[in-house]
Amino acid sequence: MNETMIKGKLVSAEQLLAQLFAPECKPSLRWLRTQTKAMSIPHVRIGHLVFFDVQMVRTALGDKGRSPAQVSGSGAVAKADEQKLGGD
């Protein structure tokens, strides 16, 4: 069993997104659930409920060395950059 020490208050998915992102650049709940299912961000499951420690998630996203927007849309960004450079 994974024994991770939770240091902060646990929050819901909606609260996590509100605390981590500005309203104009906040990703969707679907993105968060996808990242949770892929075990990309730390979470705590209590029964069927899922909670997050804001600081642990912030650290995990920072350790990846890229922003959440780059994680979810990297293929579209790469294609757009390629088109700007004249590639097909």
PDB file of N, CA and C in Angstrom:
ATOM      1  N   MET A   1       0.839  -1.175   0.000  1.00  0.00           N
ATOM      2  CA  MET A   1       0.000   0.000   0.000  1.00  0.00           C
ATOM      3  C   MET A   1       0.883   1.237   0.000  1.00  0.00           C
ATOM      4  N   ASN A   2       0.507   2.271  -0.729  1.00  0.00           N
ATOM      5  CA  ASN A   2       1.258   3.505  -0.846  1.00  0.00           C
ATOM      6  C   ASN A   2       1.023   4.361   0.390  1.00  0.00           C
ATOM      7  N   GLU A   3       2.063   4.604   1.164  1.00  0.00           N
ATOM      8  CA  GLU A   3       1.955   5.376   2.398  1.00  0.00           C
ATOM      9  C   GLU A   3       2.493   6.782   2.163  1.00  0.00           C
ATOM     10  N   THR A   4       1.669   7.699   1.713  1.00  0.00           N
ATOM     11  CA  THR A   4       2.059   9.081   1.478  1.00  0.00           C
ATOM     12  C   THR A   4       1.509   9.936   2.606  1.00  0.00           C
ATOM     13  N   MET A   5       2.344  10.807   3.143  1.00  0.00           N
ATOM     14  CA  MET A   5       1.914  11.679   4.224  1.00  0.00           C
ATOM     15  C   MET A   5       1.220  12.917   3.639  1.00  0.00           C
ATOM     16  N   ILE A   6      -0.032  13.085   3.998  1.00  0.00           N
ATOM     17  CA  ILE A   6      -0.794  14.257   3.571  1.00  0.00           C
ATOM     18  C   ILE A   6      -0.493  15.379   4.555  1.00  0.00           C
ATOM     19  N   LYS A   7      -0.019  16.503   4.040  1.00  0.00           N
ATOM     20  CA  LYS A   7       0.370  17.611   4.918  1.00  0.00           C
ATOM     21  C   LYS A   7      -0.696  18.697   4.981  1.00  0.00           C
ATOM     22  N   GLY A   8      -1.462  18.849   3.914  1.00  0.00           N
ATOM     23  CA  GLY A   8      -2.448  19.919   3.872  1.00  0.00           C
ATOM     24  C   GLY A   8      -3.865  19.398   3.963  1.00  0.00           C
ATOM     25  N   LYS A   9      -4.773  20.318   3.807  1.00  0.00           N
ATOM     26  CA  LYS A   9      -6.195  19.998   3.816  1.00  0.00           C
ATOM     27  C   LYS A   9      -6.575  19.346   2.492  1.00  0.00           C
ATOM     28  N   LEU A  10      -7.416  18.330   2.545  1.00  0.00           N
ATOM     29  CA  LEU A  10      -7.881  17.682   1.322  1.00  0.00           C
ATOM     30  C   LEU A  10      -9.045  18.475   0.739  1.00  0.00           C
ATOM     31  N   VAL A  11      -9.035  18.634  -0.589  1.00  0.00           N
ATOM     32  CA  VAL A  11     -10.077  19.393  -1.273  1.00  0.00           C
ATOM     33  C   VAL A  11     -10.663  18.564  -2.409  1.00  0.00           C
ATOM     34  N   SER A  12     -11.829  18.964  -2.871  1.00  0.00           N
ATOM     35  CA  SER A  12     -12.480  18.292  -3.995  1.00  0.00           C
ATOM     36  C   SER A  12     -11.825  18.713  -5.306  1.00  0.00           C
ATOM     37  N   ALA A  13     -12.228  18.072  -6.385  1.00  0.00           N
ATOM     38  CA  ALA A  13     -11.685  18.393  -7.712  1.00  0.00           C
ATOM     39  C   ALA A  13     -11.972  19.850  -8.090  1.00  0.00           C
ATOM     40  N   GLU A  14     -13.195  20.296  -7.854  1.00  0.00           N
ATOM     41  CA  GLU A  14     -13.567  21.676  -8.183  1.00  0.00           C
ATOM     42  C   GLU A  14     -12.740  22.671  -7.371  1.00  0.00           C
ATOM     43  N   GLN A  15     -12.563  22.395  -6.090  1.00  0.00           N
ATOM     44  CA  GLN A  15     -11.771  23.278  -5.236  1.00  0.00           C
ATOM     45  C   GLN A  15     -10.310  23.296  -5.666  1.00  0.00           C
ATOM     46  N   LEU A  16      -9.792  22.143  -6.049  1.00  0.00           N
ATOM     47  CA  LEU A  16      -8.401  22.069  -6.510  1.00  0.00           C
ATOM     48  C   LEU A  16      -8.184  22.956  -7.727  1.00  0.00           C
ATOM     49  N   LEU A  17      -9.041  22.818  -8.720  1.00  0.00           N
ATOM     50  CA  LEU A  17      -8.893  23.623  -9.939  1.00  0.00           C
ATOM     51  C   LEU A  17      -9.014  25.108  -9.630  1.00  0.00           C
ATOM     52  N   ALA A  18      -9.921  25.473  -8.741  1.00  0.00           N
ATOM     53  CA  ALA A  18     -10.109  26.882  -8.378  1.00  0.00           C
ATOM     54  C   ALA A  18      -8.872  27.438  -7.667  1.00  0.00           C
ATOM     55  N   GLN A  19      -8.196  26.614  -6.868  1.00  0.00           N
ATOM     56  CA  GLN A  19      -7.028  27.083  -6.127  1.00  0.00           C
ATOM     57  C   GLN A  19      -5.754  27.103  -6.963  1.00  0.00           C
ATOM     58  N   LEU A  20      -5.660  26.241  -7.963  1.00  0.00           N
ATOM     59  CA  LEU A  20      -4.437  26.154  -8.759  1.00  0.00           C
ATOM     60  C   LEU A  20      -4.417  27.061  -9.979  1.00  0.00           C
ATOM     61  N   PHE A  21      -5.585  27.347 -10.534  1.00  0.00           N
ATOM     62  CA  PHE A  21      -5.632  28.042 -11.815  1.00  0.00           C
ATOM     63  C   PHE A  21      -6.493  29.299 -11.764  1.00  0.00           C
ATOM     64  N   ALA A  22      -6.109  30.283 -12.561  1.00  0.00           N
ATOM     65  CA  ALA A  22      -6.942  31.468 -12.739  1.00  0.00           C
ATOM     66  C   ALA A  22      -8.178  31.060 -13.545  1.00  0.00           C
ATOM     67  N   PRO A  23      -9.302  31.729 -13.320  1.00  0.00           N
ATOM     68  CA  PRO A  23     -10.546  31.324 -14.006  1.00  0.00           C
ATOM     69  C   PRO A  23     -10.441  31.281 -15.528  1.00  0.00           C
ATOM     70  N   GLU A  24      -9.674  32.176 -16.125  1.00  0.00           N
ATOM     71  CA  GLU A  24      -9.600  32.232 -17.587  1.00  0.00           C
ATOM     72  C   GLU A  24      -8.714  31.143 -18.199  1.00  0.00           C
ATOM     73  N   CYS A  25      -7.927  30.459 -17.383  1.00  0.00           N
ATOM     74  CA  CYS A  25      -7.059  29.413 -17.948  1.00  0.00           C
ATOM     75  C   CYS A  25      -7.217  28.074 -17.219  1.00  0.00           C
ATOM     76  N   LYS A  26      -8.325  27.912 -16.528  1.00  0.00           N
ATOM     77  CA  LYS A  26      -8.563  26.692 -15.747  1.00  0.00           C
ATOM     78  C   LYS A  26      -8.926  25.528 -16.660  1.00  0.00           C
ATOM     79  N   PRO A  27      -8.256  24.380 -16.513  1.00  0.00           N
ATOM     80  CA  PRO A  27      -8.621  23.207 -17.310  1.00  0.00           C
ATOM     81  C   PRO A  27      -9.948  22.620 -16.825  1.00  0.00           C
ATOM     82  N   SER A  28     -10.469  21.694 -17.577  1.00  0.00           N
ATOM     83  CA  SER A  28     -11.766  21.102 -17.257  1.00  0.00           C
ATOM     84  C   SER A  28     -11.645  20.016 -16.189  1.00  0.00           C
ATOM     85  N   LEU A  29     -12.775  19.691 -15.602  1.00  0.00           N
ATOM     86  CA  LEU A  29     -12.825  18.565 -14.664  1.00  0.00           C
ATOM     87  C   LEU A  29     -12.457  17.268 -15.372  1.00  0.00           C
ATOM     88  N   ARG A  30     -12.818  17.174 -16.634  1.00  0.00           N
ATOM     89  CA  ARG A  30     -12.488  15.982 -17.414  1.00  0.00           C
ATOM     90  C   ARG A  30     -10.976  15.794 -17.492  1.00  0.00           C
ATOM     91  N   TRP A  31     -10.238  16.889 -17.716  1.00  0.00           N
ATOM     92  CA  TRP A  31      -8.779  16.823 -17.749  1.00  0.00           C
ATOM     93  C   TRP A  31      -8.249  16.321 -16.410  1.00  0.00           C
ATOM     94  N   LEU A  32      -8.775  16.884 -15.314  1.00  0.00           N
ATOM     95  CA  LEU A  32      -8.325  16.485 -13.984  1.00  0.00           C
ATOM     96  C   LEU A  32      -8.613  15.008 -13.724  1.00  0.00           C
ATOM     97  N   ARG A  33      -9.777  14.556 -14.106  1.00  0.00           N
ATOM     98  CA  ARG A  33     -10.125  13.145 -13.910  1.00  0.00           C
ATOM     99  C   ARG A  33      -9.232  12.230 -14.752  1.00  0.00           C
ATOM    100  N   THR A  34      -8.894  12.664 -15.960  1.00  0.00           N
ATOM    101  CA  THR A  34      -7.998  11.891 -16.817  1.00  0.00           C
ATOM    102  C   THR A  34      -6.611  11.784 -16.175  1.00  0.00           C
ATOM    103  N   GLN A  35      -6.112  12.901 -15.644  1.00  0.00           N
ATOM    104  CA  GLN A  35      -4.812  12.903 -14.989  1.00  0.00           C
ATOM    105  C   GLN A  35      -4.829  12.039 -13.730  1.00  0.00           C
ATOM    106  N   THR A  36      -5.946  12.062 -13.018  1.00  0.00           N
ATOM    107  CA  THR A  36      -6.086  11.242 -11.807  1.00  0.00           C
ATOM    108  C   THR A  36      -6.080   9.765 -12.168  1.00  0.00           C
ATOM    109  N   LYS A  37      -6.846   9.404 -13.179  1.00  0.00           N
ATOM    110  CA  LYS A  37      -6.929   8.003 -13.601  1.00  0.00           C
ATOM    111  C   LYS A  37      -5.572   7.498 -14.096  1.00  0.00           C
ATOM    112  N   ALA A  38      -4.815   8.370 -14.760  1.00  0.00           N
ATOM    113  CA  ALA A  38      -3.493   8.003 -15.277  1.00  0.00           C
ATOM    114  C   ALA A  38      -2.424   8.020 -14.174  1.00  0.00           C
ATOM    115  N   MET A  39      -2.836   8.353 -12.952  1.00  0.00           N
ATOM    116  CA  MET A  39      -1.920   8.429 -11.805  1.00  0.00           C
ATOM    117  C   MET A  39      -0.835   9.495 -12.021  1.00  0.00           C
ATOM    118  N   SER A  40      -1.158  10.536 -12.775  1.00  0.00           N
ATOM    119  CA  SER A  40      -0.216  11.615 -13.041  1.00  0.00           C
ATOM    120  C   SER A  40      -0.137  12.617 -11.906  1.00  0.00           C
ATOM    121  N   ILE A  41      -1.185  12.698 -11.118  1.00  0.00           N
ATOM    122  CA  ILE A  41      -1.188  13.610  -9.982  1.00  0.00           C
ATOM    123  C   ILE A  41      -1.621  12.844  -8.732  1.00  0.00           C
ATOM    124  N   PRO A  42      -1.078  13.231  -7.587  1.00  0.00           N
ATOM    125  CA  PRO A  42      -1.423  12.526  -6.352  1.00  0.00           C
ATOM    126  C   PRO A  42      -2.862  12.806  -5.928  1.00  0.00           C
ATOM    127  N   HIS A  43      -3.509  11.790  -5.427  1.00  0.00           N
ATOM    128  CA  HIS A  43      -4.880  11.924  -4.955  1.00  0.00           C
ATOM    129  C   HIS A  43      -5.150  10.893  -3.869  1.00  0.00           C
ATOM    130  N   VAL A  44      -6.228  11.119  -3.142  1.00  0.00           N
ATOM    131  CA  VAL A  44      -6.631  10.209  -2.076  1.00  0.00           C
ATOM    132  C   VAL A  44      -8.050   9.759  -2.385  1.00  0.00           C
ATOM    133  N   ARG A  45      -8.243   8.472  -2.434  1.00  0.00           N
ATOM    134  CA  ARG A  45      -9.574   7.918  -2.689  1.00  0.00           C
ATOM    135  C   ARG A  45     -10.134   7.388  -1.372  1.00  0.00           C
ATOM    136  N   ILE A  46     -11.301   7.886  -1.013  1.00  0.00           N
ATOM    137  CA  ILE A  46     -12.008   7.416   0.171  1.00  0.00           C
ATOM    138  C   ILE A  46     -13.347   6.891  -0.324  1.00  0.00           C
ATOM    139  N   GLY A  47     -13.432   5.578  -0.432  1.00  0.00           N
ATOM    140  CA  GLY A  47     -14.616   4.982  -1.046  1.00  0.00           C
ATOM    141  C   GLY A  47     -14.654   5.363  -2.514  1.00  0.00           C
ATOM    142  N   HIS A  48     -15.745   5.949  -2.962  1.00  0.00           N
ATOM    143  CA  HIS A  48     -15.838   6.397  -4.356  1.00  0.00           C
ATOM    144  C   HIS A  48     -15.488   7.872  -4.510  1.00  0.00           C
ATOM    145  N   LEU A  49     -15.164   8.537  -3.411  1.00  0.00           N
ATOM    146  CA  LEU A  49     -14.817   9.959  -3.443  1.00  0.00           C
ATOM    147  C   LEU A  49     -13.318  10.138  -3.658  1.00  0.00           C
ATOM    148  N   VAL A  50     -12.949  11.189  -4.387  1.00  0.00           N
ATOM    149  CA  VAL A  50     -11.545  11.478  -4.672  1.00  0.00           C
ATOM    150  C   VAL A  50     -11.229  12.874  -4.152  1.00  0.00           C
ATOM    151  N   PHE A  51     -10.133  12.985  -3.407  1.00  0.00           N
ATOM    152  CA  PHE A  51      -9.699  14.261  -2.842  1.00  0.00           C
ATOM    153  C   PHE A  51      -8.245  14.518  -3.207  1.00  0.00           C
ATOM    154  N   PHE A  52      -7.850  15.787  -3.081  1.00  0.00           N
ATOM    155  CA  PHE A  52      -6.505  16.202  -3.468  1.00  0.00           C
ATOM    156  C   PHE A  52      -5.902  17.088  -2.394  1.00  0.00           C
ATOM    157  N   ASP A  53      -4.580  16.990  -2.231  1.00  0.00           N
ATOM    158  CA  ASP A  53      -3.815  17.925  -1.407  1.00  0.00           C
ATOM    159  C   ASP A  53      -3.229  18.933  -2.396  1.00  0.00           C
ATOM    160  N   VAL A  54      -3.625  20.185  -2.273  1.00  0.00           N
ATOM    161  CA  VAL A  54      -3.245  21.213  -3.256  1.00  0.00           C
ATOM    162  C   VAL A  54      -1.734  21.310  -3.409  1.00  0.00           C
ATOM    163  N   GLN A  55      -1.001  21.336  -2.300  1.00  0.00           N
ATOM    164  CA  GLN A  55       0.450  21.484  -2.383  1.00  0.00           C
ATOM    165  C   GLN A  55       1.102  20.281  -3.055  1.00  0.00           C
ATOM    166  N   MET A  56       0.612  19.095  -2.768  1.00  0.00           N
ATOM    167  CA  MET A  56       1.179  17.891  -3.403  1.00  0.00           C
ATOM    168  C   MET A  56       0.934  17.904  -4.907  1.00  0.00           C
ATOM    169  N   VAL A  57      -0.242  18.334  -5.336  1.00  0.00           N
ATOM    170  CA  VAL A  57      -0.546  18.398  -6.769  1.00  0.00           C
ATOM    171  C   VAL A  57       0.307  19.473  -7.431  1.00  0.00           C
ATOM    172  N   ARG A  58       0.436  20.627  -6.776  1.00  0.00           N
ATOM    173  CA  ARG A  58       1.267  21.709  -7.326  1.00  0.00           C
ATOM    174  C   ARG A  58       2.703  21.222  -7.508  1.00  0.00           C
ATOM    175  N   THR A  59       3.222  20.508  -6.534  1.00  0.00           N
ATOM    176  CA  THR A  59       4.585  19.966  -6.620  1.00  0.00           C
ATOM    177  C   THR A  59       4.704  18.946  -7.748  1.00  0.00           C
ATOM    178  N   ALA A  60       3.720  18.064  -7.861  1.00  0.00           N
ATOM    179  CA  ALA A  60       3.746  17.042  -8.909  1.00  0.00           C
ATOM    180  C   ALA A  60       3.715  17.671 -10.298  1.00  0.00           C
ATOM    181  N   LEU A  61       2.897  18.690 -10.478  1.00  0.00           N
ATOM    182  CA  LEU A  61       2.838  19.362 -11.775  1.00  0.00           C
ATOM    183  C   LEU A  61       4.140  20.100 -12.055  1.00  0.00           C
ATOM    184  N   GLY A  62       4.737  20.703 -11.039  1.00  0.00           N
ATOM    185  CA  GLY A  62       6.012  21.399 -11.202  1.00  0.00           C
ATOM    186  C   GLY A  62       7.151  20.450 -11.510  1.00  0.00           C
ATOM    187  N   ASP A  63       7.115  19.249 -10.919  1.00  0.00           N
ATOM    188  CA  ASP A  63       8.166  18.263 -11.159  1.00  0.00           C
ATOM    189  C   ASP A  63       8.181  17.782 -12.600  1.00  0.00           C
ATOM    190  N   LYS A  64       7.050  17.861 -13.258  1.00  0.00           N
ATOM    191  CA  LYS A  64       6.987  17.438 -14.660  1.00  0.00           C
ATOM    192  C   LYS A  64       7.684  18.443 -15.570  1.00  0.00           C
ATOM    193  N   GLY A  65       7.916  19.655 -15.055  1.00  0.00           N
ATOM    194  CA  GLY A  65       8.631  20.654 -15.829  1.00  0.00           C
ATOM    195  C   GLY A  65       7.822  21.262 -16.958  1.00  0.00           C
ATOM    196  N   ARG A  66       6.507  21.157 -16.873  1.00  0.00           N
ATOM    197  CA  ARG A  66       5.665  21.741 -17.905  1.00  0.00           C
ATOM    198  C   ARG A  66       4.325  22.121 -17.293  1.00  0.00           C
ATOM    199  N   SER A  67       3.642  23.005 -17.963  1.00  0.00           N
ATOM    200  CA  SER A  67       2.369  23.478 -17.444  1.00  0.00           C
ATOM    201  C   SER A  67       1.261  22.488 -17.777  1.00  0.00           C
ATOM    202  N   PRO A  68       0.140  22.536 -17.049  1.00  0.00           N
ATOM    203  CA  PRO A  68      -0.990  21.653 -17.358  1.00  0.00           C
ATOM    204  C   PRO A  68      -1.489  21.815 -18.803  1.00  0.00           C
ATOM    205  N   ALA A  69      -1.413  23.011 -19.358  1.00  0.00           N
ATOM    206  CA  ALA A  69      -1.848  23.213 -20.740  1.00  0.00           C
ATOM    207  C   ALA A  69      -0.957  22.439 -21.707  1.00  0.00           C
ATOM    208  N   GLN A  70       0.333  22.391 -21.429  1.00  0.00           N
ATOM    209  CA  GLN A  70       1.236  21.642 -22.291  1.00  0.00           C
ATOM    210  C   GLN A  70       0.991  20.151 -22.187  1.00  0.00           C
ATOM    211  N   VAL A  71       0.590  19.677 -21.020  1.00  0.00           N
ATOM    212  CA  VAL A  71       0.324  18.252 -20.822  1.00  0.00           C
ATOM    213  C   VAL A  71      -0.888  17.835 -21.627  1.00  0.00           C
ATOM    214  N   SER A  72      -1.978  18.616 -21.558  1.00  0.00           N
ATOM    215  CA  SER A  72      -3.224  18.201 -22.196  1.00  0.00           C
ATOM    216  C   SER A  72      -3.260  18.485 -23.688  1.00  0.00           C
ATOM    217  N   GLY A  73      -2.534  19.492 -24.169  1.00  0.00           N
ATOM    218  CA  GLY A  73      -2.658  19.857 -25.567  1.00  0.00           C
ATOM    219  C   GLY A  73      -1.365  19.817 -26.340  1.00  0.00           C
ATOM    220  N   SER A  74      -0.432  19.011 -25.922  1.00  0.00           N
ATOM    221  CA  SER A  74       0.890  19.026 -26.539  1.00  0.00           C
ATOM    222  C   SER A  74       0.861  18.651 -28.017  1.00  0.00           C
ATOM    223  N   GLY A  75      -0.006  17.737 -28.409  1.00  0.00           N
ATOM    224  CA  GLY A  75      -0.083  17.347 -29.811  1.00  0.00           C
ATOM    225  C   GLY A  75      -0.577  18.478 -30.688  1.00  0.00           C
ATOM    226  N   ALA A  76      -1.591  19.188 -30.247  1.00  0.00           N
ATOM    227  CA  ALA A  76      -2.142  20.302 -31.013  1.00  0.00           C
ATOM    228  C   ALA A  76      -1.137  21.442 -31.089  1.00  0.00           C
ATOM    229  N   VAL A  77      -0.420  21.708 -29.996  1.00  0.00           N
ATOM    230  CA  VAL A  77       0.570  22.776 -29.983  1.00  0.00           C
ATOM    231  C   VAL A  77       1.709  22.445 -30.935  1.00  0.00           C
ATOM    232  N   ALA A  78       2.190  21.211 -30.904  1.00  0.00           N
ATOM    233  CA  ALA A  78       3.286  20.808 -31.788  1.00  0.00           C
ATOM    234  C   ALA A  78       2.874  20.931 -33.246  1.00  0.00           C
ATOM    235  N   LYS A  79       1.653  20.516 -33.584  1.00  0.00           N
ATOM    236  CA  LYS A  79       1.172  20.600 -34.951  1.00  0.00           C
ATOM    237  C   LYS A  79       1.065  22.061 -35.397  1.00  0.00           C
ATOM    238  N   ALA A  80       0.563  22.931 -34.524  1.00  0.00           N
ATOM    239  CA  ALA A  80       0.438  24.349 -34.848  1.00  0.00           C
ATOM    240  C   ALA A  80       1.817  24.966 -35.059  1.00  0.00           C
ATOM    241  N   ASP A  81       2.788  24.618 -34.206  1.00  0.00           N
ATOM    242  CA  ASP A  81       4.156  25.127 -34.360  1.00  0.00           C
ATOM    243  C   ASP A  81       4.760  24.650 -35.670  1.00  0.00           C
ATOM    244  N   GLU A  82       4.510  23.403 -36.032  1.00  0.00           N
ATOM    245  CA  GLU A  82       5.033  22.849 -37.275  1.00  0.00           C
ATOM    246  C   GLU A  82       4.463  23.593 -38.474  1.00  0.00           C
ATOM    247  N   GLN A  83       3.176  23.913 -38.432  1.00  0.00           N
ATOM    248  CA  GLN A  83       2.542  24.618 -39.538  1.00  0.00           C
ATOM    249  C   GLN A  83       3.099  26.024 -39.680  1.00  0.00           C
ATOM    250  N   LYS A  84       3.416  26.680 -38.537  1.00  0.00           N
ATOM    251  CA  LYS A  84       3.995  28.018 -38.572  1.00  0.00           C
ATOM    252  C   LYS A  84       5.369  28.001 -39.234  1.00  0.00           C
ATOM    253  N   LEU A  85       6.092  26.897 -39.043  1.00  0.00           N
ATOM    254  CA  LEU A  85       7.439  26.784 -39.604  1.00  0.00           C
ATOM    255  C   LEU A  85       7.433  26.330 -41.070  1.00  0.00           C
ATOM    256  N   GLY A  86       6.246  26.048 -41.596  1.00  0.00           N
ATOM    257  CA  GLY A  86       6.141  25.652 -42.993  1.00  0.00           C
ATOM    258  C   GLY A  86       6.207  24.173 -43.221  1.00  0.00           C
ATOM    259  N   GLY A  87       6.173  23.367 -42.162  1.00  0.00           N
ATOM    260  CA  GLY A  87       6.198  21.907 -42.318  1.00  0.00           C
ATOM    261  C   GLY A  87       4.826  21.378 -42.616  1.00  0.00           C
ATOM    262  N   ASP A  88       4.749  20.181 -43.175  1.00  0.00           N
ATOM    263  CA  ASP A  88       3.451  19.574 -43.469  1.00  0.00           C
ATOM    264  C   ASP A  88       3.141  18.467 -42.527  1.00  0.00           C
TER     265      ASP A  88
END
